[in-house]
Amino acid sequence: MNAGLVVVGQPHGYLLQGLASAPVSRAFWGRLSPFLEVFFASRDEREGHNTVGLDTGLVYLLTRRVAIDVAAETTLNRHRLDYALRSELSLLLGR
């Protein structure tokens, strides 16, 4: 589980946005791990709507500290039906 708060700047002040996600993942084949995640984001505009979504994809560990992933994402609510394809590079910093 992941949760957080974000302060979003608005034309007349700020809005506090809540974020939460529940991912599941499992090592599948060597360095390859599929994942599935349900996420929630409260509105990011004063007249906006909350967003609930789902994403799924694959993570590949290049090294112990470097991973790449590809995913497909969609929202599940009628107010903001969106789709996205994404790819990321993650680096583990520190010890």
PDB file of N, CA and C in Angstrom:
ATOM      1  N   MET A   1       0.843  -1.184   0.000  1.00  0.00           N
ATOM      2  CA  MET A   1       0.000   0.000   0.000  1.00  0.00           C
ATOM      3  C   MET A   1       0.884   1.241   0.000  1.00  0.00           C
ATOM      4  N   ASN A   2       0.460   2.235  -0.712  1.00  0.00           N
ATOM      5  CA  ASN A   2       1.132   3.531  -0.754  1.00  0.00           C
ATOM      6  C   ASN A   2       0.075   4.614  -0.549  1.00  0.00           C
ATOM      7  N   ALA A   3       0.444   5.668   0.158  1.00  0.00           N
ATOM      8  CA  ALA A   3      -0.467   6.786   0.361  1.00  0.00           C
ATOM      9  C   ALA A   3       0.350   8.059   0.477  1.00  0.00           C
ATOM     10  N   GLY A   4      -0.247   9.174   0.071  1.00  0.00           N
ATOM     11  CA  GLY A   4       0.453  10.439   0.166  1.00  0.00           C
ATOM     12  C   GLY A   4      -0.481  11.617  -0.008  1.00  0.00           C
ATOM     13  N   LEU A   5       0.043  12.783   0.278  1.00  0.00           N
ATOM     14  CA  LEU A   5      -0.680  14.036   0.100  1.00  0.00           C
ATOM     15  C   LEU A   5       0.155  14.951  -0.778  1.00  0.00           C
ATOM     16  N   VAL A   6      -0.522  15.727  -1.621  1.00  0.00           N
ATOM     17  CA  VAL A   6       0.133  16.668  -2.516  1.00  0.00           C
ATOM     18  C   VAL A   6      -0.571  18.009  -2.383  1.00  0.00           C
ATOM     19  N   VAL A   7       0.185  19.079  -2.318  1.00  0.00           N
ATOM     20  CA  VAL A   7      -0.388  20.423  -2.339  1.00  0.00           C
ATOM     21  C   VAL A   7      -0.355  20.893  -3.786  1.00  0.00           C
ATOM     22  N   VAL A   8      -1.549  21.140  -4.353  1.00  0.00           N
ATOM     23  CA  VAL A   8      -1.675  21.539  -5.755  1.00  0.00           C
ATOM     24  C   VAL A   8      -2.002  23.021  -5.816  1.00  0.00           C
ATOM     25  N   GLY A   9      -1.183  23.797  -6.513  1.00  0.00           N
ATOM     26  CA  GLY A   9      -1.425  25.232  -6.671  1.00  0.00           C
ATOM     27  C   GLY A   9      -2.635  25.485  -7.560  1.00  0.00           C
ATOM     28  N   GLN A  10      -3.468  26.412  -7.154  1.00  0.00           N
ATOM     29  CA  GLN A  10      -4.663  26.809  -7.888  1.00  0.00           C
ATOM     30  C   GLN A  10      -4.598  28.308  -8.138  1.00  0.00           C
ATOM     31  N   PRO A  11      -5.395  28.831  -9.064  1.00  0.00           N
ATOM     32  CA  PRO A  11      -5.365  30.280  -9.306  1.00  0.00           C
ATOM     33  C   PRO A  11      -5.651  31.111  -8.048  1.00  0.00           C
ATOM     34  N   HIS A  12      -6.456  30.585  -7.139  1.00  0.00           N
ATOM     35  CA  HIS A  12      -6.798  31.314  -5.919  1.00  0.00           C
ATOM     36  C   HIS A  12      -6.487  30.453  -4.699  1.00  0.00           C
ATOM     37  N   GLY A  13      -5.239  30.133  -4.487  1.00  0.00           N
ATOM     38  CA  GLY A  13      -4.849  29.365  -3.304  1.00  0.00           C
ATOM     39  C   GLY A  13      -4.309  27.991  -3.653  1.00  0.00           C
ATOM     40  N   TYR A  14      -4.540  27.050  -2.753  1.00  0.00           N
ATOM     41  CA  TYR A  14      -4.010  25.700  -2.887  1.00  0.00           C
ATOM     42  C   TYR A  14      -5.099  24.688  -2.608  1.00  0.00           C
ATOM     43  N   LEU A  15      -4.890  23.470  -3.090  1.00  0.00           N
ATOM     44  CA  LEU A  15      -5.810  22.366  -2.863  1.00  0.00           C
ATOM     45  C   LEU A  15      -4.989  21.172  -2.396  1.00  0.00           C
ATOM     46  N   LEU A  16      -5.427  20.516  -1.341  1.00  0.00           N
ATOM     47  CA  LEU A  16      -4.744  19.335  -0.835  1.00  0.00           C
ATOM     48  C   LEU A  16      -5.317  18.106  -1.548  1.00  0.00           C
ATOM     49  N   GLN A  17      -4.453  17.362  -2.238  1.00  0.00           N
ATOM     50  CA  GLN A  17      -4.873  16.183  -2.982  1.00  0.00           C
ATOM     51  C   GLN A  17      -4.358  14.929  -2.278  1.00  0.00           C
ATOM     52  N   GLY A  18      -5.215  13.936  -2.132  1.00  0.00           N
ATOM     53  CA  GLY A  18      -4.828  12.660  -1.546  1.00  0.00           C
ATOM     54  C   GLY A  18      -4.576  11.627  -2.633  1.00  0.00           C
ATOM     55  N   LEU A  19      -3.538  10.808  -2.452  1.00  0.00           N
ATOM     56  CA  LEU A  19      -3.188   9.748  -3.399  1.00  0.00           C
ATOM     57  C   LEU A  19      -3.049   8.436  -2.631  1.00  0.00           C
ATOM     58  N   ALA A  20      -3.496   7.334  -3.224  1.00  0.00           N
ATOM     59  CA  ALA A  20      -3.336   6.015  -2.607  1.00  0.00           C
ATOM     60  C   ALA A  20      -3.256   4.973  -3.711  1.00  0.00           C
ATOM     61  N   SER A  21      -2.509   3.898  -3.451  1.00  0.00           N
ATOM     62  CA  SER A  21      -2.446   2.797  -4.419  1.00  0.00           C
ATOM     63  C   SER A  21      -2.213   1.484  -3.691  1.00  0.00           C
ATOM     64  N   ALA A  22      -2.653   0.420  -4.334  1.00  0.00           N
ATOM     65  CA  ALA A  22      -2.464  -0.931  -3.803  1.00  0.00           C
ATOM     66  C   ALA A  22      -1.920  -1.796  -4.941  1.00  0.00           C
ATOM     67  N   PRO A  23      -0.603  -1.968  -5.001  1.00  0.00           N
ATOM     68  CA  PRO A  23      -0.013  -2.784  -6.068  1.00  0.00           C
ATOM     69  C   PRO A  23       0.257  -4.221  -5.605  1.00  0.00           C
ATOM     70  N   VAL A  24       0.256  -5.134  -6.548  1.00  0.00           N
ATOM     71  CA  VAL A  24       0.715  -6.501  -6.307  1.00  0.00           C
ATOM     72  C   VAL A  24       1.693  -6.851  -7.420  1.00  0.00           C
ATOM     73  N   SER A  25       2.741  -7.595  -7.042  1.00  0.00           N
ATOM     74  CA  SER A  25       3.786  -7.962  -7.996  1.00  0.00           C
ATOM     75  C   SER A  25       4.408  -9.269  -7.531  1.00  0.00           C
ATOM     76  N   ARG A  26       4.974  -9.995  -8.482  1.00  0.00           N
ATOM     77  CA  ARG A  26       5.636 -11.245  -8.134  1.00  0.00           C
ATOM     78  C   ARG A  26       6.729 -11.517  -9.143  1.00  0.00           C
ATOM     79  N   ALA A  27       7.893 -11.929  -8.636  1.00  0.00           N
ATOM     80  CA  ALA A  27       8.971 -12.332  -9.550  1.00  0.00           C
ATOM     81  C   ALA A  27       8.451 -13.488 -10.390  1.00  0.00           C
ATOM     82  N   PHE A  28       8.610 -13.389 -11.687  1.00  0.00           N
ATOM     83  CA  PHE A  28       7.986 -14.347 -12.588  1.00  0.00           C
ATOM     84  C   PHE A  28       9.004 -15.219 -13.308  1.00  0.00           C
ATOM     85  N   TRP A  29       9.932 -14.562 -13.968  1.00  0.00           N
ATOM     86  CA  TRP A  29      10.876 -15.304 -14.789  1.00  0.00           C
ATOM     87  C   TRP A  29      12.223 -14.598 -14.684  1.00  0.00           C
ATOM     88  N   GLY A  30      13.055 -15.045 -13.768  1.00  0.00           N
ATOM     89  CA  GLY A  30      14.339 -14.396 -13.576  1.00  0.00           C
ATOM     90  C   GLY A  30      14.173 -12.981 -13.068  1.00  0.00           C
ATOM     91  N   ARG A  31      14.506 -12.011 -13.899  1.00  0.00           N
ATOM     92  CA  ARG A  31      14.453 -10.597 -13.509  1.00  0.00           C
ATOM     93  C   ARG A  31      13.168  -9.900 -13.945  1.00  0.00           C
ATOM     94  N   LEU A  32      12.206 -10.643 -14.456  1.00  0.00           N
ATOM     95  CA  LEU A  32      10.958 -10.084 -14.962  1.00  0.00           C
ATOM     96  C   LEU A  32       9.846 -10.230 -13.922  1.00  0.00           C
ATOM     97  N   SER A  33       9.114  -9.152 -13.654  1.00  0.00           N
ATOM     98  CA  SER A  33       8.027  -9.178 -12.668  1.00  0.00           C
ATOM     99  C   SER A  33       6.793  -8.485 -13.228  1.00  0.00           C
ATOM    100  N   PRO A  34       5.686  -9.182 -13.390  1.00  0.00           N
ATOM    101  CA  PRO A  34       4.437  -8.510 -13.762  1.00  0.00           C
ATOM    102  C   PRO A  34       3.840  -7.820 -12.529  1.00  0.00           C
ATOM    103  N   PHE A  35       3.037  -6.784 -12.757  1.00  0.00           N
ATOM    104  CA  PHE A  35       2.373  -6.106 -11.641  1.00  0.00           C
ATOM    105  C   PHE A  35       0.983  -5.662 -12.040  1.00  0.00           C
ATOM    106  N   LEU A  36       0.158  -5.454 -11.025  1.00  0.00           N
ATOM    107  CA  LEU A  36      -1.189  -4.937 -11.167  1.00  0.00           C
ATOM    108  C   LEU A  36      -1.386  -3.957 -10.029  1.00  0.00           C
ATOM    109  N   GLU A  37      -1.988  -2.804 -10.311  1.00  0.00           N
ATOM    110  CA  GLU A  37      -2.140  -1.772  -9.287  1.00  0.00           C
ATOM    111  C   GLU A  37      -3.479  -1.081  -9.437  1.00  0.00           C
ATOM    112  N   VAL A  38      -4.176  -0.890  -8.323  1.00  0.00           N
ATOM    113  CA  VAL A  38      -5.380  -0.069  -8.256  1.00  0.00           C
ATOM    114  C   VAL A  38      -4.962   1.227  -7.579  1.00  0.00           C
ATOM    115  N   PHE A  39      -5.398   2.371  -8.127  1.00  0.00           N
ATOM    116  CA  PHE A  39      -4.992   3.652  -7.538  1.00  0.00           C
ATOM    117  C   PHE A  39      -6.170   4.604  -7.405  1.00  0.00           C
ATOM    118  N   PHE A  40      -6.011   5.562  -6.496  1.00  0.00           N
ATOM    119  CA  PHE A  40      -7.012   6.601  -6.236  1.00  0.00           C
ATOM    120  C   PHE A  40      -6.302   7.940  -6.143  1.00  0.00           C
ATOM    121  N   ALA A  41      -6.892   8.956  -6.729  1.00  0.00           N
ATOM    122  CA  ALA A  41      -6.407  10.330  -6.589  1.00  0.00           C
ATOM    123  C   ALA A  41      -7.622  11.228  -6.388  1.00  0.00           C
ATOM    124  N   SER A  42      -7.624  11.993  -5.301  1.00  0.00           N
ATOM    125  CA  SER A  42      -8.716  12.944  -5.108  1.00  0.00           C
ATOM    126  C   SER A  42      -8.578  14.065  -6.141  1.00  0.00           C
ATOM    127  N   ARG A  43      -9.566  14.872  -6.247  1.00  0.00           N
ATOM    128  CA  ARG A  43      -9.590  15.919  -7.284  1.00  0.00           C
ATOM    129  C   ARG A  43      -8.350  16.803  -7.219  1.00  0.00           C
ATOM    130  N   ASP A  44      -7.883  17.241  -8.374  1.00  0.00           N
ATOM    131  CA  ASP A  44      -6.709  18.123  -8.434  1.00  0.00           C
ATOM    132  C   ASP A  44      -7.083  19.528  -8.899  1.00  0.00           C
ATOM    133  N   GLU A  45      -8.394  19.777  -9.057  1.00  0.00           N
ATOM    134  CA  GLU A  45      -8.937  21.093  -9.372  1.00  0.00           C
ATOM    135  C   GLU A  45     -10.167  21.298  -8.502  1.00  0.00           C
ATOM    136  N   ARG A  46     -10.477  22.537  -8.160  1.00  0.00           N
ATOM    137  CA  ARG A  46     -11.603  22.806  -7.256  1.00  0.00           C
ATOM    138  C   ARG A  46     -12.923  22.236  -7.771  1.00  0.00           C
ATOM    139  N   GLU A  47     -13.146  22.292  -9.052  1.00  0.00           N
ATOM    140  CA  GLU A  47     -14.389  21.770  -9.636  1.00  0.00           C
ATOM    141  C   GLU A  47     -14.180  20.380 -10.238  1.00  0.00           C
ATOM    142  N   GLY A  48     -13.063  19.744  -9.937  1.00  0.00           N
ATOM    143  CA  GLY A  48     -12.731  18.448 -10.523  1.00  0.00           C
ATOM    144  C   GLY A  48     -13.403  17.283  -9.813  1.00  0.00           C
ATOM    145  N   HIS A  49     -13.035  16.087 -10.230  1.00  0.00           N
ATOM    146  CA  HIS A  49     -13.590  14.853  -9.696  1.00  0.00           C
ATOM    147  C   HIS A  49     -12.463  13.943  -9.218  1.00  0.00           C
ATOM    148  N   ASN A  50     -12.777  13.053  -8.292  1.00  0.00           N
ATOM    149  CA  ASN A  50     -11.832  12.033  -7.871  1.00  0.00           C
ATOM    150  C   ASN A  50     -11.588  11.055  -9.015  1.00  0.00           C
ATOM    151  N   THR A  51     -10.446  10.398  -9.008  1.00  0.00           N
ATOM    152  CA  THR A  51     -10.101   9.431 -10.041  1.00  0.00           C
ATOM    153  C   THR A  51      -9.741   8.091  -9.408  1.00  0.00           C
ATOM    154  N   VAL A  52     -10.305   7.036  -9.943  1.00  0.00           N
ATOM    155  CA  VAL A  52      -9.951   5.672  -9.566  1.00  0.00           C
ATOM    156  C   VAL A  52      -9.472   4.988 -10.835  1.00  0.00           C
ATOM    157  N   GLY A  53      -8.376   4.243 -10.738  1.00  0.00           N
ATOM    158  CA  GLY A  53      -7.844   3.627 -11.946  1.00  0.00           C
ATOM    159  C   GLY A  53      -7.139   2.314 -11.698  1.00  0.00           C
ATOM    160  N   LEU A  54      -6.658   1.746 -12.780  1.00  0.00           N
ATOM    161  CA  LEU A  54      -6.001   0.453 -12.772  1.00  0.00           C
ATOM    162  C   LEU A  54      -4.854   0.501 -13.753  1.00  0.00           C
ATOM    163  N   ASP A  55      -3.695  -0.011 -13.350  1.00  0.00           N
ATOM    164  CA  ASP A  55      -2.621  -0.175 -14.325  1.00  0.00           C
ATOM    165  C   ASP A  55      -1.963  -1.531 -14.146  1.00  0.00           C
ATOM    166  N   THR A  56      -1.419  -2.017 -15.237  1.00  0.00           N
ATOM    167  CA  THR A  56      -0.760  -3.311 -15.246  1.00  0.00           C
ATOM    168  C   THR A  56       0.417  -3.247 -16.200  1.00  0.00           C
ATOM    169  N   GLY A  57       1.432  -4.041 -15.907  1.00  0.00           N
ATOM    170  CA  GLY A  57       2.608  -4.018 -16.768  1.00  0.00           C
ATOM    171  C   GLY A  57       3.673  -4.985 -16.305  1.00  0.00           C
ATOM    172  N   LEU A  58       4.908  -4.745 -16.776  1.00  0.00           N
ATOM    173  CA  LEU A  58       6.051  -5.592 -16.484  1.00  0.00           C
ATOM    174  C   LEU A  58       7.228  -4.738 -16.039  1.00  0.00           C
ATOM    175  N   VAL A  59       7.958  -5.235 -15.037  1.00  0.00           N
ATOM    176  CA  VAL A  59       9.192  -4.594 -14.577  1.00  0.00           C
ATOM    177  C   VAL A  59      10.335  -5.555 -14.882  1.00  0.00           C
ATOM    178  N   TYR A  60      11.426  -5.011 -15.451  1.00  0.00           N
ATOM    179  CA  TYR A  60      12.610  -5.819 -15.723  1.00  0.00           C
ATOM    180  C   TYR A  60      13.795  -5.195 -14.988  1.00  0.00           C
ATOM    181  N   LEU A  61      14.459  -5.985 -14.137  1.00  0.00           N
ATOM    182  CA  LEU A  61      15.624  -5.501 -13.396  1.00  0.00           C
ATOM    183  C   LEU A  61      16.862  -5.631 -14.271  1.00  0.00           C
ATOM    184  N   LEU A  62      17.425  -4.489 -14.662  1.00  0.00           N
ATOM    185  CA  LEU A  62      18.669  -4.493 -15.430  1.00  0.00           C
ATOM    186  C   LEU A  62      19.840  -4.851 -14.517  1.00  0.00           C
ATOM    187  N   THR A  63      19.848  -4.258 -13.315  1.00  0.00           N
ATOM    188  CA  THR A  63      20.828  -4.561 -12.262  1.00  0.00           C
ATOM    189  C   THR A  63      20.060  -4.526 -10.940  1.00  0.00           C
ATOM    190  N   ARG A  64      20.749  -4.707  -9.814  1.00  0.00           N
ATOM    191  CA  ARG A  64      20.088  -4.603  -8.513  1.00  0.00           C
ATOM    192  C   ARG A  64      19.518  -3.217  -8.261  1.00  0.00           C
ATOM    193  N   ARG A  65      20.064  -2.205  -8.904  1.00  0.00           N
ATOM    194  CA  ARG A  65      19.671  -0.820  -8.651  1.00  0.00           C
ATOM    195  C   ARG A  65      18.996  -0.113  -9.830  1.00  0.00           C
ATOM    196  N   VAL A  66      18.848  -0.793 -10.956  1.00  0.00           N
ATOM    197  CA  VAL A  66      18.257  -0.173 -12.140  1.00  0.00           C
ATOM    198  C   VAL A  66      17.171  -1.083 -12.702  1.00  0.00           C
ATOM    199  N   ALA A  67      15.984  -0.501 -12.925  1.00  0.00           N
ATOM    200  CA  ALA A  67      14.865  -1.265 -13.485  1.00  0.00           C
ATOM    201  C   ALA A  67      14.172  -0.431 -14.554  1.00  0.00           C
ATOM    202  N   ILE A  68      13.595  -1.119 -15.521  1.00  0.00           N
ATOM    203  CA  ILE A  68      12.740  -0.462 -16.517  1.00  0.00           C
ATOM    204  C   ILE A  68      11.375  -1.134 -16.437  1.00  0.00           C
ATOM    205  N   ASP A  69      10.337  -0.376 -16.757  1.00  0.00           N
ATOM    206  CA  ASP A  69       9.014  -0.990 -16.787  1.00  0.00           C
ATOM    207  C   ASP A  69       8.182  -0.399 -17.906  1.00  0.00           C
ATOM    208  N   VAL A  70       7.212  -1.178 -18.334  1.00  0.00           N
ATOM    209  CA  VAL A  70       6.216  -0.742 -19.311  1.00  0.00           C
ATOM    210  C   VAL A  70       4.855  -1.072 -18.710  1.00  0.00           C
ATOM    211  N   ALA A  71       3.873  -0.209 -18.964  1.00  0.00           N
ATOM    212  CA  ALA A  71       2.557  -0.415 -18.365  1.00  0.00           C
ATOM    213  C   ALA A  71       1.462   0.205 -19.223  1.00  0.00           C
ATOM    214  N   ALA A  72       0.266  -0.315 -19.044  1.00  0.00           N
ATOM    215  CA  ALA A  72      -0.953   0.259 -19.617  1.00  0.00           C
ATOM    216  C   ALA A  72      -1.819   0.678 -18.444  1.00  0.00           C
ATOM    217  N   GLU A  73      -2.459   1.826 -18.576  1.00  0.00           N
ATOM    218  CA  GLU A  73      -3.225   2.410 -17.472  1.00  0.00           C
ATOM    219  C   GLU A  73      -4.567   2.897 -17.969  1.00  0.00           C
ATOM    220  N   THR A  74      -5.597   2.770 -17.135  1.00  0.00           N
ATOM    221  CA  THR A  74      -6.903   3.328 -17.452  1.00  0.00           C
ATOM    222  C   THR A  74      -7.567   3.816 -16.169  1.00  0.00           C
ATOM    223  N   THR A  75      -8.456   4.780 -16.306  1.00  0.00           N
ATOM    224  CA  THR A  75      -9.267   5.206 -15.169  1.00  0.00           C
ATOM    225  C   THR A  75     -10.579   4.444 -15.241  1.00  0.00           C
ATOM    226  N   LEU A  76     -11.211   4.273 -14.092  1.00  0.00           N
ATOM    227  CA  LEU A  76     -12.417   3.452 -14.019  1.00  0.00           C
ATOM    228  C   LEU A  76     -13.678   4.250 -13.706  1.00  0.00           C
ATOM    229  N   ASN A  77     -13.577   5.573 -13.658  1.00  0.00           N
ATOM    230  CA  ASN A  77     -14.765   6.362 -13.356  1.00  0.00           C
ATOM    231  C   ASN A  77     -15.255   7.109 -14.592  1.00  0.00           C
ATOM    232  N   ARG A  78     -16.530   7.397 -14.627  1.00  0.00           N
ATOM    233  CA  ARG A  78     -17.143   7.988 -15.822  1.00  0.00           C
ATOM    234  C   ARG A  78     -16.778   9.451 -16.043  1.00  0.00           C
ATOM    235  N   HIS A  79     -16.320  10.143 -14.997  1.00  0.00           N
ATOM    236  CA  HIS A  79     -15.990  11.558 -15.134  1.00  0.00           C
ATOM    237  C   HIS A  79     -14.680  11.787 -15.872  1.00  0.00           C
ATOM    238  N   ARG A  80     -13.742  10.839 -15.765  1.00  0.00           N
ATOM    239  CA  ARG A  80     -12.411  11.022 -16.364  1.00  0.00           C
ATOM    240  C   ARG A  80     -11.924   9.716 -16.956  1.00  0.00           C
ATOM    241  N   LEU A  81     -12.535   9.271 -18.017  1.00  0.00           N
ATOM    242  CA  LEU A  81     -12.120   8.030 -18.660  1.00  0.00           C
ATOM    243  C   LEU A  81     -10.896   8.321 -19.526  1.00  0.00           C
ATOM    244  N   ASP A  82      -9.742   7.854 -19.088  1.00  0.00           N
ATOM    245  CA  ASP A  82      -8.481   8.085 -19.788  1.00  0.00           C
ATOM    246  C   ASP A  82      -7.746   6.762 -19.960  1.00  0.00           C
ATOM    247  N   TYR A  83      -6.875   6.727 -20.969  1.00  0.00           N
ATOM    248  CA  TYR A  83      -6.008   5.583 -21.203  1.00  0.00           C
ATOM    249  C   TYR A  83      -4.594   6.107 -21.409  1.00  0.00           C
ATOM    250  N   ALA A  84      -3.608   5.317 -21.001  1.00  0.00           N
ATOM    251  CA  ALA A  84      -2.217   5.734 -21.196  1.00  0.00           C
ATOM    252  C   ALA A  84      -1.331   4.506 -21.324  1.00  0.00           C
ATOM    253  N   LEU A  85      -0.280   4.654 -22.101  1.00  0.00           N
ATOM    254  CA  LEU A  85       0.810   3.685 -22.165  1.00  0.00           C
ATOM    255  C   LEU A  85       2.037   4.419 -21.658  1.00  0.00           C
ATOM    256  N   ARG A  86       2.835   3.773 -20.806  1.00  0.00           N
ATOM    257  CA  ARG A  86       3.998   4.466 -20.273  1.00  0.00           C
ATOM    258  C   ARG A  86       5.162   3.506 -20.121  1.00  0.00           C
ATOM    259  N   SER A  87       6.328   4.109 -20.026  1.00  0.00           N
ATOM    260  CA  SER A  87       7.556   3.378 -19.773  1.00  0.00           C
ATOM    261  C   SER A  87       8.387   4.209 -18.819  1.00  0.00           C
ATOM    262  N   GLU A  88       9.082   3.554 -17.891  1.00  0.00           N
ATOM    263  CA  GLU A  88       9.865   4.273 -16.887  1.00  0.00           C
ATOM    264  C   GLU A  88      11.215   3.612 -16.663  1.00  0.00           C
ATOM    265  N   LEU A  89      12.117   4.407 -16.193  1.00  0.00           N
ATOM    266  CA  LEU A  89      13.435   3.937 -15.745  1.00  0.00           C
ATOM    267  C   LEU A  89      13.540   4.300 -14.278  1.00  0.00           C
ATOM    268  N   SER A  90      13.808   3.331 -13.397  1.00  0.00           N
ATOM    269  CA  SER A  90      13.910   3.571 -11.964  1.00  0.00           C
ATOM    270  C   SER A  90      15.330   3.295 -11.488  1.00  0.00           C
ATOM    271  N   LEU A  91      15.817   4.197 -10.629  1.00  0.00           N
ATOM    272  CA  LEU A  91      17.149   4.036 -10.053  1.00  0.00           C
ATOM    273  C   LEU A  91      17.015   4.003  -8.543  1.00  0.00           C
ATOM    274  N   LEU A  92      17.649   3.025  -7.897  1.00  0.00           N
ATOM    275  CA  LEU A  92      17.702   2.955  -6.450  1.00  0.00           C
ATOM    276  C   LEU A  92      18.956   3.685  -6.001  1.00  0.00           C
ATOM    277  N   LEU A  93      18.764   4.752  -5.225  1.00  0.00           N
ATOM    278  CA  LEU A  93      19.897   5.551  -4.745  1.00  0.00           C
ATOM    279  C   LEU A  93      20.219   5.207  -3.304  1.00  0.00           C
ATOM    280  N   GLY A  94      21.381   5.508  -2.861  1.00  0.00           N
ATOM    281  CA  GLY A  94      21.780   5.237  -1.479  1.00  0.00           C
ATOM    282  C   GLY A  94      22.420   3.858  -1.340  1.00  0.00           C
ATOM    283  N   ARG A  95      22.451   3.390  -0.108  1.00  0.00           N
ATOM    284  CA  ARG A  95      23.102   2.107   0.160  1.00  0.00           C
ATOM    285  C   ARG A  95      22.333   0.964  -0.312  1.00  0.00           C
TER     286      ARG A  95
END
